[in-house]
Amino acid sequence: MVTAALIILSNDARQAAMQGRYFIEGLAMTERTLNEERAIARELSPDVAWPTIIFAFTLPLVHLSIVAAALMGYVNMWLAMPVLGFTAYMHYTIVHEAIHRNLMRRSFAFEPVNTALGWIGSIAIGTTWPLLNRTHLAHHAHTNTERDADIFLKGSYPRLLFIWVVSIVANLIPVPVVKWAFDKAGFDSGYLNTRHLMSERDWQLHLIAHTGLCAFVWGMIALGYGPQVIALFVMPAAFGRLMLGTFQQWLPHAPFVESSRYRQARITKIPFGPLLYMGHDVHLVHHLWPSVPFYYYGRFYRRLEPILRAKGARIEGLVPRPVEVPAEPATQQN
């Protein structure tokens, strides 16, 4: 009996030792994987992202040229509206790269230009730089959790469309007023409830800038330029936000339930994905290493694909597959 007990203890000790060895080997493998990823990311993270800089200075000129052509009657403004919607959406790429300081790294002298480009891109989609900057950083820090600034998008795609329709009007009302109305109605405040993410200076700057955008729109309407401001600014900005919410927020993260390193976002394999998603069809690789500029996402994914597949990354088509999340164990009642 004693011998049997010793054998059992010996087996338990051997199994514990094996588990410890596997754990150590797993840590070593994880470290090797991270080092491999890091080396590739550094290779694809230039100090000066010239393609992004050229894009950032060219896109606003193209956008404004279309607006000018419509105002001068060379192009029907209602036909120009969907084109402007797509170029407005493209402006978020400028914002996004500015948020991650990917245009020119390690250059404090470039910071004012970085901020200015962030503002230009933000205004094109009808919002402000402080809001997009702080909410996106919070999204990276707390992806798919209750502290994720984008978590209000969790749910079905029709729900996202409903939020978007409401936001078309809500975005034309100063933040304090529309937040009061939403709170009274019990409607999800979304980005209205983000004061805690900003410094007092940034929050006040956000309020002033957004109120200025509202005043501009209503002022143009009062002066008799309602059709022009709606067709050439309000609706293009709204379409831009819808495409942003669809292709860079909802589709990459739905159903917003996993936060692990290799499962927090999806890889979407569809035709024309890189154009529709502005590179974020491989959104996961951006979350892994945000320093890589958007025009290298495809190359970065191809280099990391063996690792991602080995780690169980979600490599899917357009429609997100259901995800099974283990249920939390029930607490025992005393």
Foldseek 3Di string as FASTA:
>chain_A
DVVVVVVVVVVVVVVVVVVVVVVVVVVVVVVVLLVVLVVVQVVQQDQAPVVLVVCLVPLVVVLVVLLVCCVVPVDPLLVCQVVLLLSLLVLVLLLLCLLVVRRHPPDPVCNVVSLVSNQSSQVQLLFGSLLVNLLVVQCLVQPLDPSRLLVVLADDVVVVVVVLVVCLVLLLDQLVVSVVVCVVVVHDPRSSPCPVSDDPVSVVVRRVVSPVSSCVQVVCVVVPNNVSCCSSGSSSSSSSVSLCCQQVNDQQAPNSHDDDLQARGAQADDPPSCVSNVQCSVVSSCSNPVSRRSVCSVVSCVVCVVVSVVVPHHYYHRDDDDDDDDDDDDDDDD
